[in-house]
Amino acid sequence: MSVSITDLVDFDQQSLYISAAAIAFNPLFWNIVARQEYRNKILTKLFLGNSQIACYFLALTIFSLGMVRDYLYKEALAPQPSHPALETDAVKLASYALFAAGNILVITSTWALGITGTFLGDYFGILMDDMVTGFPFNVTDAPMYYGSTMSFLAAALYYGKPAGVLLTVWVFLVYKVALAFENPFTAGIYAKRDRERAAQKKGSKKAE
C-alpha cells in the first residue's frame, strides 16, 4: 500500500503555512535590517549614535522573533497527523539527542562569539579581532543555524509529526540561502577592515 505525502501532512491546515512564513521571514528580516544598518546606520541613528545599544536592540528583536517562530511551529504541529513510525522509543531517544546536540551548538556558539558577534555586530562596525576557530566552529561553520535546524527536527520527532520533518527541511533550505548571502557579505566587511589596517600600517611606515 503506497503512502502519499498528503496522507502524512495535512495541507489544509493554515497554521502550517503561517509557520513556514515565519521561518522564512526571520532571516530575511535580519539580513535586510543589518544591511541597511551597515550602509545607512539606521539603528545607530535611532539610538543616537550608540552602535552597541543598537546592536543589542536588534539582538533582542531577533531573539523575540525566534520565540514567536518557535511558538508558531509548535502550533502548526499540534493539528497535524502523527505517524506510527515516528512514535517509537528509538525515535523519541533520537529526538532527545538531537535537541541536546542542537542546543549545545547554539549555546557554545553564542558563548564563543558574544552577543554582538552572534547578532550581526559586524554590520554595526563592531568587529572581532580574530576569527573564532575553536568549538563549535571547528565542527561546522554555522553552528547557530545547524543547531537550530536540529532542534526543529528534534521537536518533529518528539511529537511524531511528518509535517514537522517537512518544515525542518524548509528551515534547512532557508538557512542555506541565508548563509549564501551572509557569508560573502560578512567576509567583505572583514576584508575591508584588513585593507584599511594594511593601508594605515603602510602610511605609518612612510611617515617614519
Protein backbone atom coordinates (compact mmCIF):
# COMPACT_ATOMS: atom_id res chain seq x y z
CA MET A 1 0.00 0.00 0.00
CA SER A 2 1.55 3.27 -1.15
CA VAL A 3 1.53 6.31 1.10
CA SER A 4 1.42 9.80 -0.39
CA ILE A 5 2.62 12.96 1.27
CA THR A 6 -0.99 14.11 1.67
CA ASP A 7 -1.52 11.10 3.94
CA LEU A 8 1.34 12.27 6.14
CA VAL A 9 0.81 16.03 6.11
CA ASP A 10 -2.48 17.92 6.37
CA PHE A 11 -2.00 20.73 3.86
CA ASP A 12 -5.43 22.17 4.67
CA GLN A 13 -4.14 23.49 7.99
CA GLN A 14 -3.45 27.23 7.72
CA SER A 15 -1.08 27.04 10.67
CA LEU A 16 1.34 25.02 8.50
CA TYR A 17 1.74 27.94 6.09
CA ILE A 18 1.91 30.53 8.87
CA SER A 19 4.78 28.57 10.42
CA ALA A 20 6.56 28.27 7.07
CA ALA A 21 6.18 32.01 6.52
CA ALA A 22 7.60 32.82 9.97
CA ILE A 23 10.57 30.52 9.32
CA ALA A 24 11.33 32.35 6.07
CA PHE A 25 10.62 35.82 7.46
CA ASN A 26 13.14 35.83 10.30
CA PRO A 27 16.44 35.55 8.34
CA LEU A 28 15.00 37.79 5.63
CA PHE A 29 14.21 40.43 8.25
CA TRP A 30 17.57 40.40 9.98
CA ASN A 31 19.51 40.40 6.73
CA ILE A 32 17.58 43.37 5.36
CA VAL A 33 17.82 45.34 8.63
CA ALA A 34 21.51 44.51 9.13
CA ARG A 35 22.46 45.56 5.60
CA GLN A 36 20.53 48.79 5.99
CA GLU A 37 22.43 49.35 9.22
CA TYR A 38 25.75 48.70 7.51
CA ARG A 39 25.00 51.06 4.63
CA ASN A 40 22.88 53.75 6.29
CA LYS A 41 23.32 53.25 10.08
CA ILE A 42 19.54 53.35 10.59
CA LEU A 43 19.54 51.69 14.01
CA THR A 44 22.63 53.50 15.23
CA LYS A 45 21.00 56.81 14.31
CA LEU A 46 17.81 55.71 16.10
CA PHE A 47 19.89 55.15 19.25
CA LEU A 48 21.70 58.49 18.96
CA GLY A 49 24.92 57.12 17.55
CA ASN A 50 25.38 54.29 20.05
CA SER A 51 26.06 51.27 17.85
CA GLN A 52 26.46 48.94 20.86
CA ILE A 53 22.94 49.62 22.16
CA ALA A 54 21.58 49.47 18.60
CA CYS A 55 23.10 46.02 18.16
CA TYR A 56 21.64 44.82 21.47
CA PHE A 57 18.25 46.11 20.34
CA LEU A 58 18.50 44.09 17.13
CA ALA A 59 19.62 41.05 19.15
CA LEU A 60 16.55 41.35 21.39
CA THR A 61 14.31 41.75 18.34
CA ILE A 62 15.79 38.70 16.61
CA PHE A 63 15.51 36.65 19.80
CA SER A 64 11.86 37.70 20.24
CA LEU A 65 11.02 36.86 16.63
CA GLY A 66 12.66 33.48 17.18
CA MET A 67 10.39 32.82 20.16
CA VAL A 68 7.33 33.71 18.06
CA ARG A 69 8.57 31.47 15.23
CA ASP A 70 9.06 28.55 17.63
CA TYR A 71 5.58 29.06 19.08
CA LEU A 72 4.02 29.09 15.61
CA TYR A 73 5.94 25.92 14.74
CA LYS A 74 4.59 24.13 17.79
CA GLU A 75 1.08 25.35 16.99
CA ALA A 76 1.46 24.09 13.42
CA LEU A 77 2.42 20.62 14.62
CA ALA A 78 -0.50 20.22 17.03
CA PRO A 79 -3.28 19.52 14.48
CA GLN A 80 -1.05 17.54 12.13
CA PRO A 81 -1.32 13.74 11.90
CA SER A 82 1.24 11.62 13.70
CA HIS A 83 2.84 8.57 12.14
CA PRO A 84 3.43 5.26 13.96
CA ALA A 85 6.97 5.01 12.56
CA LEU A 86 7.84 8.21 14.43
CA GLU A 87 6.27 7.15 17.69
CA THR A 88 8.79 4.55 18.77
CA ASP A 89 11.13 4.69 21.76
CA ALA A 90 14.15 4.83 19.44
CA VAL A 91 12.78 7.91 17.66
CA LYS A 92 11.99 9.55 20.99
CA LEU A 93 15.57 8.96 22.16
CA ALA A 94 16.86 10.37 18.87
CA SER A 95 14.78 13.50 19.45
CA TYR A 96 16.39 13.99 22.88
CA ALA A 97 19.86 13.55 21.40
CA LEU A 98 19.16 15.98 18.55
CA PHE A 99 17.73 18.59 20.91
CA ALA A 100 20.73 18.32 23.24
CA ALA A 101 23.27 18.46 20.40
CA GLY A 102 21.47 21.33 18.68
CA ASN A 103 21.33 23.41 21.85
CA ILE A 104 24.99 22.71 22.59
CA LEU A 105 25.87 24.13 19.17
CA VAL A 106 23.68 27.21 19.68
CA ILE A 107 24.78 27.94 23.25
CA THR A 108 28.51 27.38 22.69
CA SER A 109 28.36 29.45 19.51
CA THR A 110 26.82 32.36 21.40
CA TRP A 111 29.38 31.93 24.20
CA ALA A 112 32.27 31.97 21.74
CA LEU A 113 31.05 34.98 19.77
CA GLY A 114 29.33 37.02 22.46
CA ILE A 115 26.06 38.86 21.91
CA THR A 116 27.38 41.31 19.33
CA GLY A 117 29.31 38.61 17.49
CA THR A 118 26.25 36.39 17.36
CA PHE A 119 23.74 39.03 16.41
CA LEU A 120 25.37 40.75 13.44
CA GLY A 121 27.59 43.16 15.29
CA ASP A 122 29.87 43.18 12.24
CA TYR A 123 27.23 45.20 10.40
CA PHE A 124 27.36 47.80 13.16
CA GLY A 125 31.11 48.15 12.88
CA ILE A 126 31.68 46.01 15.99
CA LEU A 127 34.26 43.64 14.56
CA MET A 128 36.04 40.76 16.25
CA ASP A 129 39.82 40.90 16.37
CA ASP A 130 40.31 37.33 15.19
CA MET A 131 38.23 34.61 13.63
CA VAL A 132 36.86 32.09 16.14
CA THR A 133 38.17 28.66 15.19
CA GLY A 134 37.52 26.62 18.34
CA PHE A 135 34.43 24.61 19.23
CA PRO A 136 31.80 24.65 17.80
CA PHE A 137 33.30 26.36 14.74
CA ASN A 138 35.76 23.51 14.26
CA VAL A 139 32.72 21.26 13.77
CA THR A 140 30.63 23.46 11.48
CA ASP A 141 30.93 26.97 10.06
CA ALA A 142 27.33 27.79 11.03
CA PRO A 143 26.63 26.19 14.42
CA MET A 144 23.79 28.58 15.23
CA TYR A 145 21.90 27.68 12.07
CA TYR A 146 22.57 23.96 12.11
CA GLY A 147 21.90 23.75 15.84
CA SER A 148 18.56 25.47 15.35
CA THR A 149 17.70 23.11 12.49
CA MET A 150 18.49 20.12 14.72
CA SER A 151 16.12 21.47 17.37
CA PHE A 152 13.32 21.78 14.81
CA LEU A 153 13.87 18.18 13.76
CA ALA A 154 14.01 17.10 17.40
CA ALA A 155 10.56 18.59 18.02
CA ALA A 156 9.17 16.92 14.89
CA LEU A 157 10.43 13.52 16.03
CA TYR A 158 9.37 14.04 19.64
CA TYR A 159 5.77 14.69 18.59
CA GLY A 160 5.93 12.10 15.79
CA LYS A 161 4.82 14.57 13.13
CA PRO A 162 5.84 14.15 9.46
CA ALA A 163 4.75 17.78 8.94
CA GLY A 164 7.48 18.78 11.37
CA VAL A 165 10.05 16.91 9.31
CA LEU A 166 8.79 18.76 6.22
CA LEU A 167 9.06 22.12 7.98
CA THR A 168 12.55 21.19 9.17
CA VAL A 169 13.59 20.65 5.55
CA TRP A 170 12.21 24.13 4.87
CA VAL A 171 14.24 25.53 7.79
CA PHE A 172 17.39 23.92 6.39
CA LEU A 173 16.80 25.36 2.90
CA VAL A 174 16.01 28.84 4.23
CA TYR A 175 19.19 28.86 6.31
CA LYS A 176 21.29 27.63 3.37
CA VAL A 177 20.00 30.54 1.27
CA ALA A 178 20.65 32.96 4.16
CA LEU A 179 24.23 31.69 4.51
CA ALA A 180 24.79 32.14 0.76
CA PHE A 181 24.04 35.84 1.24
CA GLU A 182 25.52 36.39 4.70
CA ASN A 183 28.91 34.68 4.43
CA PRO A 184 30.24 36.64 1.41
CA PHE A 185 28.91 39.91 2.81
CA THR A 186 30.48 39.36 6.22
CA ALA A 187 33.74 38.26 4.60
CA GLY A 188 33.69 41.51 2.62
CA ILE A 189 33.30 43.55 5.83
CA TYR A 190 36.41 41.96 7.34
CA ALA A 191 38.34 42.16 4.07
CA LYS A 192 37.65 45.89 4.00
CA ARG A 193 38.84 46.19 7.62
CA ASP A 194 42.04 44.32 6.75
CA ARG A 195 42.70 46.56 3.74
CA GLU A 196 42.23 49.66 5.88
CA ARG A 197 44.61 48.30 8.52
CA ALA A 198 47.20 47.47 5.89
CA ALA A 199 46.90 50.97 4.42
CA GLN A 200 47.33 52.53 7.87
CA LYS A 201 50.45 50.48 8.54
CA LYS A 202 51.85 51.44 5.18
CA GLY A 203 51.14 55.12 5.90
CA SER A 204 52.77 54.85 9.32
CA LYS A 205 55.92 53.36 7.85
CA LYS A 206 56.13 56.13 5.26
CA ALA A 207 55.73 58.74 7.98
CA GLU A 208 58.66 57.23 9.83
